[in-house]
């Protein structure tokens, strides 16, 4: 009995290590290039639609269970891609904010500190939510993704644009795509 418990604990620790390694590698950014160009804008409204629980409930009611699992897994993989991009963007924005903190203008420094704080929080949340999404891919019938990550990204986008305008009013920094 004790051996079985030890094996289960070792398997869980191994799973956590694998998830941590895959998330940290996916969120890595390359060095030596222009940081602003490394940002991949996200369509926040499309992301918000993907995590909408009403859509999942509609699909759950309309599709047979096996078809729902296939569709749900595809949607979860798309959600994971959005979350990975948001995490990478947050990491880039932390670096941009840290660079801007070295500036002498008090408004720029305050905007940069706010950006760094929000980006660090979003990066942490994206790592946790991404782990949850990977678990949901294995068991697609349970759980839902909440909107706080998307709302946090939308707020971070506003902070990034504010800092971008303070640093360069002609070309503000964009981290989200707006639909027309």
C-alpha atoms as a PDB file:
ATOM      1  CA  UNK A   1       0.000   0.000   0.000  1.00  0.00           C
ATOM      2  CA  UNK A   2       2.811   2.409   0.873  1.00  0.00           C
ATOM      3  CA  UNK A   3       4.590   1.636  -2.390  1.00  0.00           C
ATOM      4  CA  UNK A   4       1.452   2.464  -4.371  1.00  0.00           C
ATOM      5  CA  UNK A   5       1.131   5.809  -2.587  1.00  0.00           C
ATOM      6  CA  UNK A   6       4.776   6.614  -3.285  1.00  0.00           C
ATOM      7  CA  UNK A   7       4.340   5.792  -6.974  1.00  0.00           C
ATOM      8  CA  UNK A   8       1.245   8.003  -7.226  1.00  0.00           C
ATOM      9  CA  UNK A   9       3.036  10.896  -5.486  1.00  0.00           C
ATOM     10  CA  UNK A  10       6.084  10.487  -7.747  1.00  0.00           C
ATOM     11  CA  UNK A  11       3.834  10.454 -10.820  1.00  0.00           C
ATOM     12  CA  UNK A  12       2.070  13.639  -9.695  1.00  0.00           C
ATOM     13  CA  UNK A  13       5.390  15.383  -9.039  1.00  0.00           C
ATOM     14  CA  UNK A  14       6.646  14.288 -12.450  1.00  0.00           C
ATOM     15  CA  UNK A  15       3.494  15.629 -14.100  1.00  0.00           C
ATOM     16  CA  UNK A  16       3.931  18.971 -12.321  1.00  0.00           C
ATOM     17  CA  UNK A  17       7.569  19.144 -13.443  1.00  0.00           C
ATOM     18  CA  UNK A  18       6.639  18.369 -17.051  1.00  0.00           C
ATOM     19  CA  UNK A  19       3.899  21.013 -17.029  1.00  0.00           C
ATOM     20  CA  UNK A  20       6.233  23.592 -15.494  1.00  0.00           C
ATOM     21  CA  UNK A  21       8.958  22.886 -18.065  1.00  0.00           C
ATOM     22  CA  UNK A  22       6.583  23.028 -21.014  1.00  0.00           C
ATOM     23  CA  UNK A  23       4.984  26.266 -19.826  1.00  0.00           C
ATOM     24  CA  UNK A  24       8.297  27.971 -19.066  1.00  0.00           C
ATOM     25  CA  UNK A  25       9.738  27.037 -22.464  1.00  0.00           C
ATOM     26  CA  UNK A  26       6.613  28.195 -24.287  1.00  0.00           C
ATOM     27  CA  UNK A  27       6.742  31.544 -22.520  1.00  0.00           C
ATOM     28  CA  UNK A  28      10.412  32.188 -23.316  1.00  0.00           C
ATOM     29  CA  UNK A  29      11.341  35.219 -25.423  1.00  0.00           C
ATOM     30  CA  UNK A  30      14.379  35.628 -27.607  1.00  0.00           C
ATOM     31  CA  UNK A  31      17.123  38.062 -26.692  1.00  0.00           C
ATOM     32  CA  UNK A  32      18.904  40.643 -28.746  1.00  0.00           C
ATOM     33  CA  UNK A  33      15.978  41.946 -30.785  1.00  0.00           C
ATOM     34  CA  UNK A  34      13.611  44.882 -30.495  1.00  0.00           C
ATOM     35  CA  UNK A  35      11.262  44.018 -27.639  1.00  0.00           C
ATOM     36  CA  UNK A  36       8.216  45.775 -29.068  1.00  0.00           C
ATOM     37  CA  UNK A  37       8.461  43.685 -32.238  1.00  0.00           C
ATOM     38  CA  UNK A  38       8.289  40.484 -30.206  1.00  0.00           C
ATOM     39  CA  UNK A  39       4.745  41.260 -29.094  1.00  0.00           C
ATOM     40  CA  UNK A  40       2.127  39.257 -30.929  1.00  0.00           C
ATOM     41  CA  UNK A  41      -1.197  41.125 -30.718  1.00  0.00           C
ATOM     42  CA  UNK A  42      -4.165  39.091 -29.496  1.00  0.00           C
ATOM     43  CA  UNK A  43      -7.759  39.421 -30.633  1.00  0.00           C
ATOM     44  CA  UNK A  44      -9.275  39.842 -27.167  1.00  0.00           C
ATOM     45  CA  UNK A  45     -12.869  39.510 -28.371  1.00  0.00           C
ATOM     46  CA  UNK A  46     -12.139  36.214 -30.126  1.00  0.00           C
ATOM     47  CA  UNK A  47     -10.381  34.995 -26.960  1.00  0.00           C
ATOM     48  CA  UNK A  48     -13.362  36.096 -24.867  1.00  0.00           C
ATOM     49  CA  UNK A  49     -15.736  34.204 -27.205  1.00  0.00           C
ATOM     50  CA  UNK A  50     -13.666  31.031 -26.912  1.00  0.00           C
ATOM     51  CA  UNK A  51     -13.897  30.962 -23.121  1.00  0.00           C
ATOM     52  CA  UNK A  52     -17.571  31.892 -22.999  1.00  0.00           C
ATOM     53  CA  UNK A  53     -19.272  29.264 -20.790  1.00  0.00           C
ATOM     54  CA  UNK A  54     -22.588  29.847 -22.588  1.00  0.00           C
ATOM     55  CA  UNK A  55     -20.997  28.573 -25.811  1.00  0.00           C
ATOM     56  CA  UNK A  56     -19.758  25.454 -24.028  1.00  0.00           C
ATOM     57  CA  UNK A  57     -23.196  24.843 -22.532  1.00  0.00           C
ATOM     58  CA  UNK A  58     -24.818  25.279 -25.944  1.00  0.00           C
ATOM     59  CA  UNK A  59     -22.396  22.806 -27.523  1.00  0.00           C
ATOM     60  CA  UNK A  60     -22.851  20.378 -24.641  1.00  0.00           C
ATOM     61  CA  UNK A  61     -26.646  20.420 -25.133  1.00  0.00           C
ATOM     62  CA  UNK A  62     -26.550  20.167 -28.945  1.00  0.00           C
ATOM     63  CA  UNK A  63     -23.778  17.637 -29.573  1.00  0.00           C
ATOM     64  CA  UNK A  64     -23.441  13.983 -28.627  1.00  0.00           C
ATOM     65  CA  UNK A  65     -20.964  13.487 -25.789  1.00  0.00           C
ATOM     66  CA  UNK A  66     -18.219  12.068 -28.025  1.00  0.00           C
ATOM     67  CA  UNK A  67     -18.513  14.932 -30.539  1.00  0.00           C
ATOM     68  CA  UNK A  68     -18.609  17.471 -27.718  1.00  0.00           C
ATOM     69  CA  UNK A  69     -15.335  16.117 -26.306  1.00  0.00           C
ATOM     70  CA  UNK A  70     -13.652  16.450 -29.720  1.00  0.00           C
ATOM     71  CA  UNK A  71     -14.904  20.015 -30.195  1.00  0.00           C
ATOM     72  CA  UNK A  72     -14.097  20.947 -26.592  1.00  0.00           C
ATOM     73  CA  UNK A  73     -10.525  19.684 -26.927  1.00  0.00           C
ATOM     74  CA  UNK A  74     -10.041  21.697 -30.128  1.00  0.00           C
ATOM     75  CA  UNK A  75     -11.383  24.814 -28.395  1.00  0.00           C
ATOM     76  CA  UNK A  76      -9.132  24.155 -25.380  1.00  0.00           C
ATOM     77  CA  UNK A  77      -6.066  23.863 -27.640  1.00  0.00           C
ATOM     78  CA  UNK A  78      -6.987  27.233 -29.172  1.00  0.00           C
ATOM     79  CA  UNK A  79      -7.424  28.690 -25.679  1.00  0.00           C
ATOM     80  CA  UNK A  80      -4.003  27.315 -24.712  1.00  0.00           C
ATOM     81  CA  UNK A  81      -2.454  29.031 -27.742  1.00  0.00           C
ATOM     82  CA  UNK A  82      -4.026  32.355 -26.725  1.00  0.00           C
ATOM     83  CA  UNK A  83      -2.828  31.921 -23.134  1.00  0.00           C
ATOM     84  CA  UNK A  84       0.716  31.088 -24.253  1.00  0.00           C
ATOM     85  CA  UNK A  85       0.781  34.194 -26.437  1.00  0.00           C
ATOM     86  CA  UNK A  86      -0.578  36.325 -23.589  1.00  0.00           C
ATOM     87  CA  UNK A  87       2.111  34.937 -21.275  1.00  0.00           C
ATOM     88  CA  UNK A  88       4.892  35.650 -23.775  1.00  0.00           C
ATOM     89  CA  UNK A  89       3.545  39.156 -24.335  1.00  0.00           C
ATOM     90  CA  UNK A  90       3.447  39.722 -20.573  1.00  0.00           C
ATOM     91  CA  UNK A  91       7.077  38.649 -20.292  1.00  0.00           C
ATOM     92  CA  UNK A  92       8.063  41.070 -23.054  1.00  0.00           C
ATOM     93  CA  UNK A  93       6.056  43.843 -21.394  1.00  0.00           C
ATOM     94  CA  UNK A  94       7.876  43.229 -18.106  1.00  0.00           C
ATOM     95  CA  UNK A  95      11.171  43.812 -19.902  1.00  0.00           C
ATOM     96  CA  UNK A  96       9.815  46.893 -21.682  1.00  0.00           C
ATOM     97  CA  UNK A  97       8.543  48.254 -18.366  1.00  0.00           C
ATOM     98  CA  UNK A  98      11.835  47.569 -16.597  1.00  0.00           C
ATOM     99  CA  UNK A  99      13.674  49.426 -19.353  1.00  0.00           C
ATOM    100  CA  UNK A 100      11.256  52.366 -19.099  1.00  0.00           C
ATOM    101  CA  UNK A 101      11.691  52.588 -15.325  1.00  0.00           C
ATOM    102  CA  UNK A 102      15.251  53.743 -15.984  1.00  0.00           C
ATOM    103  CA  UNK A 103      13.821  56.857 -17.705  1.00  0.00           C
ATOM    104  CA  UNK A 104      13.834  60.159 -15.842  1.00  0.00           C
ATOM    105  CA  UNK A 105      10.225  61.274 -16.421  1.00  0.00           C
ATOM    106  CA  UNK A 106       8.067  60.580 -13.326  1.00  0.00           C
ATOM    107  CA  UNK A 107       4.919  59.905 -15.408  1.00  0.00           C
ATOM    108  CA  UNK A 108       6.790  57.374 -17.516  1.00  0.00           C
ATOM    109  CA  UNK A 109       8.244  55.689 -14.432  1.00  0.00           C
ATOM    110  CA  UNK A 110       4.815  55.399 -12.795  1.00  0.00           C
ATOM    111  CA  UNK A 111       3.244  54.022 -15.986  1.00  0.00           C
ATOM    112  CA  UNK A 112       6.138  51.559 -16.344  1.00  0.00           C
ATOM    113  CA  UNK A 113       5.767  50.337 -12.749  1.00  0.00           C
ATOM    114  CA  UNK A 114       2.050  49.809 -13.253  1.00  0.00           C
ATOM    115  CA  UNK A 115       2.748  47.918 -16.491  1.00  0.00           C
ATOM    116  CA  UNK A 116       5.356  45.701 -14.833  1.00  0.00           C
ATOM    117  CA  UNK A 117       3.054  44.880 -11.908  1.00  0.00           C
ATOM    118  CA  UNK A 118       0.152  44.005 -14.192  1.00  0.00           C
ATOM    119  CA  UNK A 119       2.373  42.001 -16.551  1.00  0.00           C
ATOM    120  CA  UNK A 120       3.880  39.957 -13.716  1.00  0.00           C
ATOM    121  CA  UNK A 121       0.413  39.223 -12.358  1.00  0.00           C
ATOM    122  CA  UNK A 122      -0.863  38.240 -15.802  1.00  0.00           C
ATOM    123  CA  UNK A 123       2.158  36.032 -16.441  1.00  0.00           C
ATOM    124  CA  UNK A 124       1.601  34.202 -13.166  1.00  0.00           C
ATOM    125  CA  UNK A 125      -2.104  33.816 -13.853  1.00  0.00           C
ATOM    126  CA  UNK A 126      -1.464  32.645 -17.412  1.00  0.00           C
ATOM    127  CA  UNK A 127       0.843  29.904 -16.150  1.00  0.00           C
ATOM    128  CA  UNK A 128      -1.777  28.674 -13.681  1.00  0.00           C
ATOM    129  CA  UNK A 129      -4.652  28.870 -16.169  1.00  0.00           C
ATOM    130  CA  UNK A 130      -2.556  27.130 -18.837  1.00  0.00           C
ATOM    131  CA  UNK A 131      -1.949  24.219 -16.452  1.00  0.00           C
ATOM    132  CA  UNK A 132      -5.716  24.085 -15.834  1.00  0.00           C
ATOM    133  CA  UNK A 133      -6.383  24.064 -19.590  1.00  0.00           C
ATOM    134  CA  UNK A 134      -3.973  21.161 -20.099  1.00  0.00           C
ATOM    135  CA  UNK A 135      -5.798  19.222 -17.393  1.00  0.00           C
ATOM    136  CA  UNK A 136      -9.122  20.079 -19.033  1.00  0.00           C
ATOM    137  CA  UNK A 137      -7.821  18.736 -22.355  1.00  0.00           C
ATOM    138  CA  UNK A 138      -7.414  15.369 -20.649  1.00  0.00           C
ATOM    139  CA  UNK A 139     -10.862  15.625 -19.012  1.00  0.00           C
ATOM    140  CA  UNK A 140     -12.859  17.899 -21.350  1.00  0.00           C
ATOM    141  CA  UNK A 141     -16.221  17.398 -19.666  1.00  0.00           C
ATOM    142  CA  UNK A 142     -15.242  19.238 -16.464  1.00  0.00           C
ATOM    143  CA  UNK A 143     -14.407  22.799 -15.585  1.00  0.00           C
ATOM    144  CA  UNK A 144     -14.492  26.127 -17.315  1.00  0.00           C
ATOM    145  CA  UNK A 145     -12.082  28.989 -17.900  1.00  0.00           C
ATOM    146  CA  UNK A 146     -13.031  32.259 -16.245  1.00  0.00           C
ATOM    147  CA  UNK A 147     -12.834  35.679 -17.850  1.00  0.00           C
ATOM    148  CA  UNK A 148     -10.361  37.257 -15.362  1.00  0.00           C
ATOM    149  CA  UNK A 149      -7.379  36.324 -17.536  1.00  0.00           C
ATOM    150  CA  UNK A 150      -8.921  37.975 -20.598  1.00  0.00           C
ATOM    151  CA  UNK A 151      -9.973  41.011 -18.566  1.00  0.00           C
ATOM    152  CA  UNK A 152      -6.460  41.241 -17.110  1.00  0.00           C
ATOM    153  CA  UNK A 153      -4.976  41.110 -20.591  1.00  0.00           C
ATOM    154  CA  UNK A 154      -7.316  43.832 -21.820  1.00  0.00           C
ATOM    155  CA  UNK A 155      -6.312  46.002 -18.840  1.00  0.00           C
ATOM    156  CA  UNK A 156      -2.628  45.254 -19.493  1.00  0.00           C
ATOM    157  CA  UNK A 157      -3.142  46.319 -23.103  1.00  0.00           C
ATOM    158  CA  UNK A 158      -4.375  49.707 -21.910  1.00  0.00           C
ATOM    159  CA  UNK A 159      -1.381  50.119 -19.609  1.00  0.00           C
ATOM    160  CA  UNK A 160       0.996  49.191 -22.419  1.00  0.00           C
ATOM    161  CA  UNK A 161      -0.610  51.733 -24.736  1.00  0.00           C
ATOM    162  CA  UNK A 162      -0.294  54.426 -22.044  1.00  0.00           C
ATOM    163  CA  UNK A 163       3.408  53.729 -21.590  1.00  0.00           C
ATOM    164  CA  UNK A 164       3.877  53.566 -25.352  1.00  0.00           C
ATOM    165  CA  UNK A 165       2.221  56.961 -25.792  1.00  0.00           C
ATOM    166  CA  UNK A 166       4.384  58.481 -23.065  1.00  0.00           C
ATOM    167  CA  UNK A 167       7.549  57.118 -24.647  1.00  0.00           C
ATOM    168  CA  UNK A 168       6.630  57.639 -28.301  1.00  0.00           C
ATOM    169  CA  UNK A 169       3.361  59.492 -29.016  1.00  0.00           C
ATOM    170  CA  UNK A 170       3.600  58.775 -32.751  1.00  0.00           C
ATOM    171  CA  UNK A 171       3.712  54.959 -32.506  1.00  0.00           C
ATOM    172  CA  UNK A 172       1.964  53.584 -29.381  1.00  0.00           C
ATOM    173  CA  UNK A 173       2.583  49.998 -28.273  1.00  0.00           C
ATOM    174  CA  UNK A 174      -0.219  47.579 -29.266  1.00  0.00           C
ATOM    175  CA  UNK A 175      -0.733  44.215 -27.639  1.00  0.00           C
ATOM    176  CA  UNK A 176      -4.306  43.554 -28.784  1.00  0.00           C
ATOM    177  CA  UNK A 177      -6.102  43.623 -32.090  1.00  0.00           C
ATOM    178  CA  UNK A 178      -9.215  45.738 -32.413  1.00  0.00           C
ATOM    179  CA  UNK A 179     -12.007  44.794 -34.783  1.00  0.00           C
ATOM    180  CA  UNK A 180     -13.690  47.345 -36.966  1.00  0.00           C
END
